N, C-alpha and C. Protein backbone atom coordinates (compact mmCIF):
# COMPACT_ATOMS: atom_id res chain seq x y z
N MET A 1 -7.90 5.36 6.09
CA MET A 1 -7.99 4.22 5.22
C MET A 1 -9.20 3.40 5.65
N ASN A 2 -9.99 2.95 4.70
CA ASN A 2 -11.11 2.09 5.00
C ASN A 2 -10.62 0.65 5.13
N GLU A 3 -11.18 -0.07 6.09
CA GLU A 3 -10.80 -1.45 6.29
C GLU A 3 -12.03 -2.29 6.52
N THR A 4 -11.98 -3.56 6.13
CA THR A 4 -13.08 -4.45 6.42
C THR A 4 -12.52 -5.66 7.16
N VAL A 5 -13.34 -6.28 7.97
CA VAL A 5 -12.91 -7.48 8.70
C VAL A 5 -13.35 -8.71 7.95
N ASP A 6 -12.45 -9.63 7.73
CA ASP A 6 -12.74 -10.91 7.08
C ASP A 6 -13.28 -11.85 8.16
N SER A 7 -14.58 -12.18 8.10
CA SER A 7 -15.21 -12.97 9.17
C SER A 7 -14.65 -14.37 9.23
N GLU A 8 -14.12 -14.92 8.17
CA GLU A 8 -13.57 -16.27 8.20
C GLU A 8 -12.16 -16.31 8.78
N MET A 9 -11.49 -15.20 8.86
CA MET A 9 -10.10 -15.16 9.34
C MET A 9 -10.02 -14.13 10.43
N SER A 10 -10.36 -14.51 11.64
CA SER A 10 -10.39 -13.60 12.77
C SER A 10 -9.07 -12.89 12.94
N GLY A 11 -9.15 -11.59 13.16
CA GLY A 11 -7.97 -10.79 13.42
C GLY A 11 -7.31 -10.25 12.17
N GLN A 12 -7.75 -10.65 10.99
CA GLN A 12 -7.13 -10.16 9.77
C GLN A 12 -8.04 -9.12 9.16
N ARG A 13 -7.44 -8.04 8.68
CA ARG A 13 -8.20 -6.99 8.05
C ARG A 13 -7.77 -6.88 6.59
N THR A 14 -8.69 -6.58 5.77
CA THR A 14 -8.42 -6.40 4.34
C THR A 14 -8.56 -4.93 4.01
N ALA A 15 -7.57 -4.37 3.33
CA ALA A 15 -7.65 -2.98 2.91
C ALA A 15 -8.60 -2.88 1.74
N SER A 16 -9.57 -1.99 1.85
CA SER A 16 -10.52 -1.89 0.74
C SER A 16 -10.24 -0.66 -0.13
N THR A 17 -9.86 0.45 0.46
CA THR A 17 -9.55 1.64 -0.34
C THR A 17 -8.62 2.53 0.43
N GLY A 18 -8.04 3.45 -0.25
CA GLY A 18 -7.26 4.51 0.38
C GLY A 18 -5.89 4.10 0.84
N GLY A 19 -5.13 5.09 1.31
CA GLY A 19 -3.80 4.84 1.85
C GLY A 19 -2.74 4.81 0.76
N ALA A 20 -1.60 5.38 1.06
CA ALA A 20 -0.49 5.37 0.12
C ALA A 20 0.54 4.36 0.56
N ALA A 21 1.09 3.63 -0.36
CA ALA A 21 2.13 2.67 -0.05
C ALA A 21 3.42 3.43 0.23
N ALA A 22 4.07 3.12 1.35
CA ALA A 22 5.34 3.76 1.69
C ALA A 22 6.51 2.96 1.17
N SER A 23 6.33 1.65 1.01
CA SER A 23 7.40 0.77 0.55
C SER A 23 6.75 -0.51 0.06
N VAL A 24 7.41 -1.20 -0.85
CA VAL A 24 6.89 -2.48 -1.32
C VAL A 24 8.07 -3.42 -1.59
N ALA A 25 7.86 -4.72 -1.37
CA ALA A 25 8.87 -5.72 -1.65
C ALA A 25 8.18 -6.91 -2.26
N ALA A 26 8.80 -7.52 -3.28
CA ALA A 26 8.21 -8.69 -3.94
C ALA A 26 9.26 -9.76 -4.05
N GLY A 27 8.91 -10.97 -3.66
CA GLY A 27 9.85 -12.10 -3.77
C GLY A 27 9.85 -12.62 -5.19
N CYS A 28 10.77 -13.51 -5.47
CA CYS A 28 10.84 -14.09 -6.80
C CYS A 28 11.22 -15.56 -6.70
N SER A 29 10.99 -16.27 -7.78
CA SER A 29 11.28 -17.69 -7.82
C SER A 29 11.69 -18.07 -9.22
N LEU A 30 12.48 -19.14 -9.33
CA LEU A 30 12.83 -19.63 -10.64
C LEU A 30 11.63 -20.24 -11.35
N ARG A 31 10.66 -20.73 -10.56
CA ARG A 31 9.47 -21.38 -11.14
C ARG A 31 8.48 -20.39 -11.71
N GLU A 32 8.46 -19.21 -11.18
CA GLU A 32 7.44 -18.25 -11.59
C GLU A 32 7.92 -16.85 -11.37
N THR A 33 7.30 -15.91 -12.02
CA THR A 33 7.68 -14.54 -11.82
C THR A 33 6.70 -13.79 -10.91
N THR A 34 5.58 -14.38 -10.61
CA THR A 34 4.63 -13.74 -9.71
C THR A 34 4.66 -14.45 -8.37
N ARG A 35 5.25 -13.81 -7.38
CA ARG A 35 5.37 -14.37 -6.03
C ARG A 35 4.61 -13.46 -5.07
N PRO A 36 4.51 -13.89 -3.83
CA PRO A 36 3.82 -13.08 -2.83
C PRO A 36 4.44 -11.70 -2.73
N LYS A 37 3.62 -10.76 -2.40
CA LYS A 37 4.09 -9.40 -2.23
C LYS A 37 3.72 -8.96 -0.82
N ALA A 38 4.46 -8.07 -0.29
CA ALA A 38 4.13 -7.46 0.99
C ALA A 38 4.33 -5.96 0.85
N SER A 39 3.45 -5.22 1.43
CA SER A 39 3.51 -3.76 1.27
C SER A 39 3.42 -3.09 2.62
N LEU A 40 4.24 -2.08 2.82
CA LEU A 40 4.08 -1.22 4.01
C LEU A 40 3.20 -0.07 3.56
N ARG A 41 2.11 0.11 4.28
CA ARG A 41 1.22 1.21 3.94
C ARG A 41 1.11 2.16 5.11
N LEU A 42 0.95 3.42 4.82
CA LEU A 42 0.74 4.39 5.87
C LEU A 42 -0.58 4.09 6.57
N HIS A 43 -0.57 4.12 7.85
CA HIS A 43 -1.73 3.77 8.67
C HIS A 43 -1.79 4.73 9.85
N ASP A 44 -2.91 4.82 10.52
CA ASP A 44 -3.04 5.72 11.66
C ASP A 44 -1.97 5.51 12.70
N GLU A 45 -1.52 4.28 12.90
CA GLU A 45 -0.54 3.95 13.94
C GLU A 45 0.89 3.96 13.39
N GLY A 46 1.13 4.46 12.21
CA GLY A 46 2.46 4.45 11.61
C GLY A 46 2.47 3.49 10.43
N LEU A 47 3.59 2.84 10.19
CA LEU A 47 3.67 1.90 9.09
C LEU A 47 3.07 0.56 9.50
N ALA A 48 2.14 0.08 8.71
CA ALA A 48 1.49 -1.21 8.95
C ALA A 48 1.86 -2.12 7.79
N VAL A 49 1.92 -3.41 8.04
CA VAL A 49 2.29 -4.38 7.01
C VAL A 49 1.04 -5.05 6.46
N PHE A 50 0.91 -5.03 5.16
CA PHE A 50 -0.13 -5.73 4.45
C PHE A 50 0.55 -6.71 3.53
N SER A 51 -0.01 -7.90 3.33
CA SER A 51 0.57 -8.87 2.44
C SER A 51 -0.50 -9.48 1.55
N TRP A 52 -0.05 -9.99 0.40
CA TRP A 52 -0.97 -10.61 -0.53
C TRP A 52 -0.18 -11.45 -1.51
N GLY A 53 -0.87 -12.35 -2.22
CA GLY A 53 -0.24 -13.20 -3.22
C GLY A 53 -0.27 -14.66 -2.81
N ARG A 54 0.69 -15.39 -3.29
CA ARG A 54 0.78 -16.83 -3.00
C ARG A 54 1.30 -17.03 -1.60
N GLY A 55 0.61 -17.81 -0.80
CA GLY A 55 1.00 -18.00 0.59
C GLY A 55 1.46 -19.39 0.94
N GLU A 56 1.80 -20.23 -0.05
CA GLU A 56 2.08 -21.64 0.19
C GLU A 56 3.18 -21.90 1.19
N ASP A 57 4.09 -20.98 1.41
CA ASP A 57 5.18 -21.17 2.35
C ASP A 57 4.96 -20.44 3.68
N GLY A 58 3.81 -19.83 3.85
CA GLY A 58 3.53 -19.07 5.05
C GLY A 58 4.15 -17.69 5.05
N GLN A 59 4.71 -17.28 3.92
CA GLN A 59 5.45 -16.02 3.81
C GLN A 59 4.59 -14.78 3.90
N LEU A 60 3.27 -14.96 3.91
CA LEU A 60 2.41 -13.79 4.03
C LEU A 60 2.25 -13.35 5.49
N GLY A 61 2.60 -14.23 6.42
CA GLY A 61 2.54 -13.87 7.85
C GLY A 61 1.16 -13.85 8.44
N LEU A 62 0.23 -14.54 7.81
CA LEU A 62 -1.17 -14.49 8.25
C LEU A 62 -1.58 -15.72 9.06
N GLY A 63 -0.63 -16.57 9.41
CA GLY A 63 -0.91 -17.73 10.25
C GLY A 63 -1.23 -19.01 9.53
N ASP A 64 -1.18 -19.00 8.21
CA ASP A 64 -1.47 -20.20 7.44
C ASP A 64 -0.78 -20.12 6.08
N THR A 65 -1.16 -21.03 5.18
CA THR A 65 -0.54 -21.06 3.85
C THR A 65 -1.54 -20.70 2.75
N SER A 66 -2.60 -19.99 3.11
CA SER A 66 -3.60 -19.60 2.14
C SER A 66 -3.09 -18.47 1.24
N ASP A 67 -3.56 -18.48 0.00
CA ASP A 67 -3.27 -17.39 -0.91
C ASP A 67 -4.22 -16.22 -0.58
N GLN A 68 -3.78 -15.01 -0.86
CA GLN A 68 -4.60 -13.81 -0.66
C GLN A 68 -4.56 -13.00 -1.93
N ASP A 69 -5.73 -12.67 -2.47
CA ASP A 69 -5.74 -11.90 -3.72
C ASP A 69 -5.97 -10.42 -3.53
N GLU A 70 -5.92 -9.96 -2.27
CA GLU A 70 -5.93 -8.52 -2.03
C GLU A 70 -5.13 -8.23 -0.76
N PRO A 71 -4.63 -7.03 -0.62
CA PRO A 71 -3.81 -6.72 0.56
C PRO A 71 -4.56 -7.03 1.86
N THR A 72 -3.87 -7.75 2.75
CA THR A 72 -4.47 -8.19 4.03
C THR A 72 -3.53 -7.76 5.15
N TYR A 73 -4.07 -7.16 6.17
CA TYR A 73 -3.30 -6.65 7.29
C TYR A 73 -2.66 -7.79 8.07
N VAL A 74 -1.35 -7.67 8.35
CA VAL A 74 -0.63 -8.68 9.13
C VAL A 74 -0.79 -8.29 10.60
N ASP A 75 -1.79 -8.85 11.23
CA ASP A 75 -2.17 -8.49 12.60
C ASP A 75 -1.08 -8.81 13.61
N ALA A 76 -0.25 -9.81 13.35
CA ALA A 76 0.81 -10.19 14.29
C ALA A 76 1.81 -9.06 14.51
N LEU A 77 1.84 -8.07 13.60
CA LEU A 77 2.77 -6.95 13.73
C LEU A 77 2.06 -5.69 14.26
N ARG A 78 0.84 -5.86 14.78
CA ARG A 78 0.13 -4.71 15.34
C ARG A 78 0.95 -4.11 16.47
N GLY A 79 1.12 -2.81 16.45
CA GLY A 79 1.86 -2.12 17.51
C GLY A 79 3.36 -2.14 17.36
N VAL A 80 3.87 -2.85 16.33
CA VAL A 80 5.30 -2.89 16.06
C VAL A 80 5.60 -1.79 15.05
N GLY A 81 6.48 -0.89 15.39
CA GLY A 81 6.87 0.17 14.45
C GLY A 81 7.77 -0.41 13.37
N VAL A 82 7.30 -0.47 12.15
CA VAL A 82 8.02 -1.10 11.05
C VAL A 82 8.72 -0.05 10.21
N ARG A 83 9.99 -0.29 9.93
CA ARG A 83 10.80 0.63 9.12
C ARG A 83 11.01 0.08 7.70
N GLN A 84 11.24 -1.22 7.55
CA GLN A 84 11.64 -1.81 6.25
C GLN A 84 11.13 -3.23 6.15
N ILE A 85 10.88 -3.67 4.90
CA ILE A 85 10.45 -5.04 4.66
C ILE A 85 11.21 -5.55 3.44
N ALA A 86 11.50 -6.85 3.43
CA ALA A 86 12.14 -7.51 2.27
C ALA A 86 11.58 -8.89 2.15
N CYS A 87 11.53 -9.38 0.92
CA CYS A 87 10.99 -10.73 0.66
C CYS A 87 11.97 -11.55 -0.15
N GLY A 88 12.12 -12.80 0.26
CA GLY A 88 12.93 -13.76 -0.50
C GLY A 88 12.01 -14.73 -1.22
N SER A 89 12.51 -15.88 -1.54
CA SER A 89 11.68 -16.90 -2.19
C SER A 89 11.05 -17.76 -1.10
N GLY A 90 9.90 -17.34 -0.63
CA GLY A 90 9.17 -18.08 0.40
C GLY A 90 9.38 -17.57 1.80
N HIS A 91 10.11 -16.49 1.99
CA HIS A 91 10.26 -15.92 3.34
C HIS A 91 10.25 -14.39 3.30
N THR A 92 9.97 -13.82 4.46
CA THR A 92 9.85 -12.37 4.58
C THR A 92 10.61 -11.92 5.83
N VAL A 93 11.21 -10.73 5.76
CA VAL A 93 11.91 -10.14 6.89
C VAL A 93 11.46 -8.69 7.07
N VAL A 94 11.28 -8.29 8.33
CA VAL A 94 10.86 -6.92 8.65
C VAL A 94 11.86 -6.36 9.64
N LEU A 95 12.22 -5.10 9.45
CA LEU A 95 13.05 -4.37 10.38
C LEU A 95 12.17 -3.35 11.11
N THR A 96 12.29 -3.31 12.44
CA THR A 96 11.49 -2.37 13.22
C THR A 96 12.25 -1.06 13.43
N VAL A 97 11.54 -0.04 13.86
CA VAL A 97 12.18 1.25 14.16
C VAL A 97 13.14 1.13 15.33
N ASP A 98 12.99 0.10 16.14
CA ASP A 98 13.91 -0.15 17.29
C ASP A 98 15.10 -1.00 16.91
N GLY A 99 15.21 -1.36 15.62
CA GLY A 99 16.35 -2.16 15.14
C GLY A 99 16.22 -3.64 15.38
N GLU A 100 15.00 -4.11 15.63
CA GLU A 100 14.75 -5.55 15.79
C GLU A 100 14.36 -6.15 14.44
N VAL A 101 14.61 -7.46 14.30
CA VAL A 101 14.34 -8.16 13.04
C VAL A 101 13.30 -9.26 13.29
N TYR A 102 12.26 -9.26 12.47
CA TYR A 102 11.25 -10.32 12.49
C TYR A 102 11.34 -11.07 11.18
N THR A 103 11.21 -12.39 11.22
CA THR A 103 11.17 -13.19 9.99
C THR A 103 10.03 -14.17 10.06
N TRP A 104 9.60 -14.65 8.89
CA TRP A 104 8.58 -15.69 8.83
C TRP A 104 8.54 -16.28 7.44
N GLY A 105 7.86 -17.44 7.30
CA GLY A 105 7.74 -18.12 6.04
C GLY A 105 8.49 -19.43 6.05
N ARG A 106 9.02 -19.77 4.90
CA ARG A 106 9.74 -21.02 4.70
C ARG A 106 11.09 -20.97 5.40
N GLY A 107 11.38 -21.97 6.23
CA GLY A 107 12.61 -21.93 7.02
C GLY A 107 13.72 -22.80 6.49
N ASP A 108 13.57 -23.43 5.33
CA ASP A 108 14.62 -24.27 4.76
C ASP A 108 15.93 -23.51 4.73
N ASP A 109 17.02 -24.23 4.91
CA ASP A 109 18.38 -23.67 4.92
C ASP A 109 18.62 -22.70 6.07
N GLY A 110 17.72 -22.60 7.01
CA GLY A 110 17.90 -21.68 8.14
C GLY A 110 17.69 -20.23 7.79
N ARG A 111 17.06 -19.96 6.68
CA ARG A 111 16.94 -18.56 6.16
C ARG A 111 16.18 -17.63 7.09
N LEU A 112 15.43 -18.17 8.08
CA LEU A 112 14.68 -17.31 9.01
C LEU A 112 15.53 -16.86 10.18
N GLY A 113 16.64 -17.58 10.45
CA GLY A 113 17.56 -17.19 11.51
C GLY A 113 17.13 -17.57 12.91
N HIS A 114 16.23 -18.56 13.04
CA HIS A 114 15.74 -18.97 14.36
C HIS A 114 16.46 -20.20 14.91
N GLY A 115 17.54 -20.64 14.25
CA GLY A 115 18.30 -21.79 14.73
C GLY A 115 17.78 -23.13 14.28
N ASP A 116 16.84 -23.12 13.36
CA ASP A 116 16.30 -24.39 12.85
C ASP A 116 15.86 -24.19 11.40
N ASN A 117 15.29 -25.22 10.81
CA ASN A 117 14.78 -25.14 9.44
C ASN A 117 13.26 -25.10 9.41
N GLY A 118 12.65 -24.86 10.59
CA GLY A 118 11.20 -24.86 10.68
C GLY A 118 10.57 -23.66 10.00
N TRP A 119 9.37 -23.88 9.52
CA TRP A 119 8.58 -22.81 8.90
C TRP A 119 7.82 -22.08 9.97
N LYS A 120 7.69 -20.77 9.83
CA LYS A 120 6.95 -19.94 10.77
C LYS A 120 5.86 -19.23 9.98
N TYR A 121 4.62 -19.35 10.45
CA TYR A 121 3.50 -18.80 9.70
C TYR A 121 3.07 -17.41 10.16
N VAL A 122 3.68 -16.93 11.22
CA VAL A 122 3.48 -15.55 11.69
C VAL A 122 4.84 -14.94 12.00
N PRO A 123 4.95 -13.62 11.93
CA PRO A 123 6.22 -12.96 12.22
C PRO A 123 6.74 -13.34 13.61
N ARG A 124 8.04 -13.61 13.67
CA ARG A 124 8.71 -13.99 14.91
C ARG A 124 10.04 -13.26 15.00
N ILE A 125 10.35 -12.70 16.15
CA ILE A 125 11.59 -11.96 16.32
C ILE A 125 12.78 -12.90 16.24
N THR A 126 13.85 -12.43 15.59
CA THR A 126 15.07 -13.20 15.48
C THR A 126 15.91 -12.96 16.73
N GLN A 127 15.76 -13.83 17.71
CA GLN A 127 16.38 -13.67 19.03
C GLN A 127 17.90 -13.59 18.98
N SER A 128 18.52 -14.25 18.05
CA SER A 128 19.98 -14.27 18.03
C SER A 128 20.60 -12.93 17.67
N LEU A 129 19.77 -11.97 17.21
CA LEU A 129 20.28 -10.63 16.97
C LEU A 129 19.99 -9.67 18.14
N ALA A 130 19.46 -10.21 19.24
CA ALA A 130 19.15 -9.39 20.41
C ALA A 130 20.43 -8.68 20.86
N GLY A 131 20.30 -7.42 21.20
CA GLY A 131 21.46 -6.64 21.62
C GLY A 131 22.09 -5.88 20.48
N GLN A 132 21.76 -6.23 19.24
CA GLN A 132 22.27 -5.55 18.04
C GLN A 132 21.19 -4.56 17.58
N VAL A 133 21.59 -3.40 17.15
CA VAL A 133 20.63 -2.46 16.54
C VAL A 133 20.83 -2.57 15.03
N VAL A 134 19.86 -3.19 14.37
CA VAL A 134 19.95 -3.41 12.93
C VAL A 134 19.36 -2.20 12.22
N VAL A 135 20.02 -1.76 11.13
CA VAL A 135 19.59 -0.58 10.40
C VAL A 135 19.12 -0.90 8.97
N GLN A 136 19.42 -2.12 8.49
CA GLN A 136 18.99 -2.49 7.13
C GLN A 136 18.90 -4.00 7.04
N VAL A 137 17.90 -4.50 6.28
CA VAL A 137 17.75 -5.92 6.03
C VAL A 137 17.53 -6.14 4.54
N THR A 138 17.85 -7.33 4.08
CA THR A 138 17.58 -7.73 2.71
C THR A 138 17.50 -9.24 2.64
N CYS A 139 16.93 -9.74 1.55
CA CYS A 139 16.80 -11.18 1.34
C CYS A 139 17.31 -11.56 -0.03
N GLY A 140 17.96 -12.72 -0.11
CA GLY A 140 18.16 -13.40 -1.36
C GLY A 140 17.07 -14.46 -1.43
N SER A 141 17.12 -15.30 -2.43
CA SER A 141 16.09 -16.34 -2.52
C SER A 141 16.12 -17.26 -1.31
N TYR A 142 17.32 -17.65 -0.84
CA TYR A 142 17.42 -18.64 0.21
C TYR A 142 18.25 -18.16 1.40
N HIS A 143 18.50 -16.88 1.48
CA HIS A 143 19.28 -16.36 2.62
C HIS A 143 18.81 -14.96 2.98
N THR A 144 19.29 -14.47 4.12
CA THR A 144 18.89 -13.18 4.64
C THR A 144 20.12 -12.47 5.15
N ALA A 145 20.11 -11.14 5.14
CA ALA A 145 21.26 -10.37 5.62
C ALA A 145 20.76 -9.15 6.39
N ALA A 146 21.58 -8.72 7.35
CA ALA A 146 21.26 -7.54 8.15
C ALA A 146 22.51 -6.76 8.42
N VAL A 147 22.41 -5.43 8.39
CA VAL A 147 23.52 -4.53 8.71
C VAL A 147 23.17 -3.85 10.01
N THR A 148 24.14 -3.82 10.94
CA THR A 148 23.92 -3.18 12.23
C THR A 148 24.37 -1.71 12.18
N GLY A 149 24.02 -0.97 13.20
CA GLY A 149 24.35 0.43 13.30
C GLY A 149 25.84 0.70 13.33
N ASN A 150 26.63 -0.27 13.79
CA ASN A 150 28.08 -0.10 13.82
C ASN A 150 28.74 -0.64 12.56
N GLY A 151 27.94 -1.00 11.55
CA GLY A 151 28.47 -1.42 10.27
C GLY A 151 28.77 -2.90 10.12
N ASP A 152 28.44 -3.70 11.11
CA ASP A 152 28.63 -5.15 10.98
C ASP A 152 27.56 -5.74 10.08
N LEU A 153 27.98 -6.70 9.24
CA LEU A 153 27.06 -7.43 8.37
C LEU A 153 26.87 -8.83 8.92
N TYR A 154 25.61 -9.22 9.09
CA TYR A 154 25.26 -10.57 9.52
C TYR A 154 24.49 -11.24 8.38
N THR A 155 24.81 -12.51 8.10
CA THR A 155 24.11 -13.27 7.08
C THR A 155 23.72 -14.62 7.64
N TRP A 156 22.67 -15.22 7.06
CA TRP A 156 22.23 -16.54 7.46
C TRP A 156 21.35 -17.14 6.37
N GLY A 157 21.23 -18.48 6.42
CA GLY A 157 20.46 -19.20 5.42
C GLY A 157 21.35 -20.08 4.59
N GLY A 158 20.97 -20.34 3.34
CA GLY A 158 21.73 -21.21 2.44
C GLY A 158 23.01 -20.53 1.99
N GLY A 159 24.11 -21.26 2.05
CA GLY A 159 25.41 -20.69 1.72
C GLY A 159 25.97 -21.11 0.38
N MET A 160 25.15 -21.70 -0.49
CA MET A 160 25.64 -22.12 -1.80
C MET A 160 26.40 -21.01 -2.51
N TYR A 161 27.47 -21.39 -3.17
CA TYR A 161 28.32 -20.47 -3.95
C TYR A 161 28.97 -19.41 -3.07
N GLY A 162 29.03 -19.62 -1.76
CA GLY A 162 29.69 -18.67 -0.87
C GLY A 162 28.91 -17.38 -0.63
N LYS A 163 27.63 -17.37 -0.95
CA LYS A 163 26.86 -16.12 -0.92
C LYS A 163 26.69 -15.51 0.48
N LEU A 164 27.00 -16.25 1.54
CA LEU A 164 26.90 -15.67 2.88
C LEU A 164 28.15 -14.87 3.25
N GLY A 165 29.25 -15.08 2.49
CA GLY A 165 30.47 -14.31 2.74
C GLY A 165 31.35 -14.83 3.87
N HIS A 166 31.19 -16.12 4.25
CA HIS A 166 31.94 -16.69 5.36
C HIS A 166 33.11 -17.54 4.88
N GLY A 167 33.49 -17.45 3.60
CA GLY A 167 34.64 -18.18 3.09
C GLY A 167 34.40 -19.64 2.78
N ASN A 168 33.13 -20.04 2.74
CA ASN A 168 32.79 -21.42 2.40
C ASN A 168 31.34 -21.44 1.90
N GLU A 169 30.84 -22.64 1.64
CA GLU A 169 29.46 -22.76 1.15
C GLU A 169 28.52 -23.30 2.22
N SER A 170 28.95 -23.25 3.47
CA SER A 170 28.11 -23.73 4.56
C SER A 170 26.96 -22.77 4.82
N GLY A 171 25.81 -23.36 5.18
CA GLY A 171 24.68 -22.57 5.58
C GLY A 171 24.70 -22.30 7.08
N HIS A 172 23.93 -21.35 7.51
CA HIS A 172 23.83 -21.01 8.93
C HIS A 172 22.39 -20.72 9.28
N SER A 173 21.90 -21.34 10.36
CA SER A 173 20.49 -21.15 10.75
C SER A 173 20.32 -20.04 11.77
N THR A 174 21.39 -19.37 12.14
CA THR A 174 21.33 -18.16 12.96
C THR A 174 22.25 -17.12 12.33
N PRO A 175 21.98 -15.84 12.54
CA PRO A 175 22.82 -14.81 11.96
C PRO A 175 24.28 -14.96 12.40
N LYS A 176 25.19 -14.86 11.43
CA LYS A 176 26.63 -14.93 11.70
C LYS A 176 27.29 -13.70 11.10
N ARG A 177 28.15 -13.08 11.89
CA ARG A 177 28.86 -11.87 11.46
C ARG A 177 29.85 -12.22 10.36
N VAL A 178 29.85 -11.42 9.29
CA VAL A 178 30.81 -11.59 8.21
C VAL A 178 32.10 -10.90 8.61
N GLU A 179 33.18 -11.65 8.67
CA GLU A 179 34.48 -11.13 9.10
C GLU A 179 35.20 -10.47 7.92
N GLY A 180 36.13 -9.59 8.21
CA GLY A 180 37.01 -9.04 7.19
C GLY A 180 36.45 -7.93 6.35
N LEU A 181 35.41 -7.26 6.82
CA LEU A 181 34.86 -6.13 6.03
C LEU A 181 35.35 -4.78 6.53
N ALA A 182 36.26 -4.79 7.49
CA ALA A 182 36.74 -3.52 8.08
C ALA A 182 37.56 -2.74 7.10
C-alpha cells in the first residue's frame, strides 16, 4: 500500500492508493446521515485502522477534533493487532486479537467505559475489562457492549429505555456484566 506523511500532523499517515478493506464501520446520528467512518485495512503488519470523516468528538482517534476527508492512519494503534471495530454516535471501539478493548471519542454518558464522562482523542484501553478476553464489540449511539469468551455480556454508557439490560435506565461509566442471560 502506498502511504504519504502529512507534514502538518506528525505521526499520521494518509492512505493514497491500494489495499483492500477488511472491515468497515460507520457511526450515525439523528442530526445527519453522514458521520465519521473508520476502516480496517490490510497492511504489512496485519490489520491497521484508518479513519476519516467528521472528527468533532475526537472519534477519529487522531489526537484532535479535526475533520479528515480521506482515510488517515490511526498511529496510536501501531503494533496493536486489531480484530474488529465499531462506531457509535461520536465514539469508536476496537477489539484486539488479544481480547482487549480500546475506546475513544465522546465520553458523555460513560460510553467509553473509562469511569468518567471525559472525551478521549486517541485510543485508550478500557482497564475495567482487564482479565476478560473479549471476543466481540458493538456500539449503539450512546452505549457500548462487549461479549467475553465465556459468553458474558458487558454493557456501559447511557441506559435510557433500559438498553443496557440491567433492569433500569441507569447509565454506567464502566463495563457492567448483564445478569440473567444464562
